Protein backbone atom coordinates (compact mmCIF):
# COMPACT_ATOMS: atom_id res chain seq x y z
CA HIS A 1 39.77 30.55 1.98
CA ALA A 2 37.52 32.94 3.75
CA ALA A 3 35.10 33.48 0.99
CA PRO A 4 31.83 31.47 0.75
CA GLY A 5 32.48 28.20 -1.17
CA GLY A 6 36.26 28.88 -1.04
CA VAL A 7 36.08 30.88 -4.36
CA ARG A 8 38.51 33.74 -4.63
CA THR A 9 37.53 36.73 -6.55
CA ILE A 10 38.45 40.42 -6.73
CA GLU A 11 34.98 41.42 -8.24
CA PRO A 12 32.41 41.89 -5.52
CA PHE A 13 29.19 39.97 -5.64
CA SER A 14 30.62 38.42 -8.87
CA THR A 15 29.55 34.85 -7.68
CA ASP A 16 26.33 33.13 -6.60
CA ASN A 17 28.15 31.77 -3.34
CA ARG A 18 26.64 33.16 -0.15
CA TRP A 19 26.97 32.20 3.42
CA SER A 20 23.85 30.12 4.42
CA ALA A 21 23.52 32.03 7.77
CA LEU A 22 24.26 35.47 9.04
CA ASP A 23 26.75 35.34 12.14
CA THR A 24 24.89 37.24 14.74
CA ASP A 25 26.74 35.95 17.66
CA ALA A 26 28.13 38.99 19.29
CA ALA A 27 29.75 37.10 22.31
CA GLY A 28 31.64 34.35 20.08
CA GLY A 29 31.27 35.32 16.51
CA CYS A 30 33.38 37.05 13.82
CA ILE A 31 32.15 40.62 14.61
CA ARG A 32 31.88 40.89 18.44
CA ASP A 33 30.51 43.53 20.87
CA VAL A 34 32.92 45.42 23.11
CA GLU A 35 32.36 43.14 26.13
CA ASN A 36 33.48 40.02 24.18
CA ALA A 37 36.27 41.69 22.12
CA TYR A 38 39.17 39.37 20.99
CA THR A 39 41.51 41.57 22.94
CA VAL A 40 41.35 44.34 25.52
CA GLU A 41 42.93 46.97 23.21
CA GLY A 42 41.13 45.80 20.10
CA GLY A 43 42.43 44.68 16.80
CA LEU A 44 43.34 47.97 14.98
CA VAL A 45 45.63 50.81 16.08
CA VAL A 46 46.04 54.29 14.61
CA LEU A 47 49.64 55.16 13.81
CA ARG A 48 50.55 58.70 13.96
CA GLY A 49 53.95 60.48 13.30
CA ASN A 50 55.86 62.25 10.74
CA ILE A 51 55.35 59.58 8.10
CA ALA A 52 51.63 59.28 8.69
CA LEU A 53 50.64 62.89 9.22
CA ASP A 54 47.03 62.21 8.81
CA GLY A 55 47.26 58.84 10.59
CA ALA A 56 47.04 55.31 9.24
CA ILE A 57 45.16 52.29 10.51
CA LEU A 58 47.19 48.97 11.19
CA LYS A 59 45.67 45.53 11.97
CA THR A 60 47.61 44.21 14.95
CA ALA A 61 46.98 40.63 14.56
CA GLY A 62 50.36 38.71 14.04
CA ILE A 63 52.47 41.68 14.94
CA ASP A 64 54.87 41.50 17.78
CA GLU A 65 54.05 43.94 20.60
CA GLU A 66 57.67 45.20 20.47
CA LEU A 67 56.89 46.76 17.15
CA PHE A 68 53.85 48.72 18.53
CA SER A 69 56.23 51.71 19.29
CA PHE A 70 59.22 52.58 17.18
CA GLN A 71 61.54 55.60 17.18
CA GLY A 72 64.27 55.78 14.62
CA PRO A 73 65.01 56.31 10.94
CA ALA A 74 62.45 55.35 8.28
CA LEU A 75 62.63 54.50 4.69
CA VAL A 76 59.67 55.75 2.54
CA VAL A 77 58.79 53.76 -0.55
CA GLU A 78 55.92 54.40 -3.23
CA SER A 79 54.63 50.93 -3.70
CA GLN A 80 54.09 47.51 -2.05
CA GLU A 81 56.48 46.14 -4.73
CA GLU A 82 59.04 48.54 -3.74
CA ALA A 83 58.68 47.87 -0.25
CA VAL A 84 59.16 44.29 -0.67
CA SER A 85 62.25 44.71 -2.62
CA VAL A 86 63.66 46.91 0.11
CA ILE A 87 62.81 44.53 2.88
CA LEU A 88 64.42 41.52 1.01
CA GLN A 89 67.74 43.47 0.31
């Protein structure tokens, strides 16, 4: 669990658990400066196209680089549940 004390919650600031120290290590910490980025390209990309007319942000961790560019038909769904259902069919 990433939360302090391993306590999951959907309510911000609802527990008394706090990290004991602030991560200020810009070279090797969680939030890094540009010179010490995890990857050259960064961890987020902006998707653009006919489905994301205003753009969409995507976290790139764990995504195969082959999927960074795609041309072809798309199926639009209205919810995460519908997306999971379509993917599993």
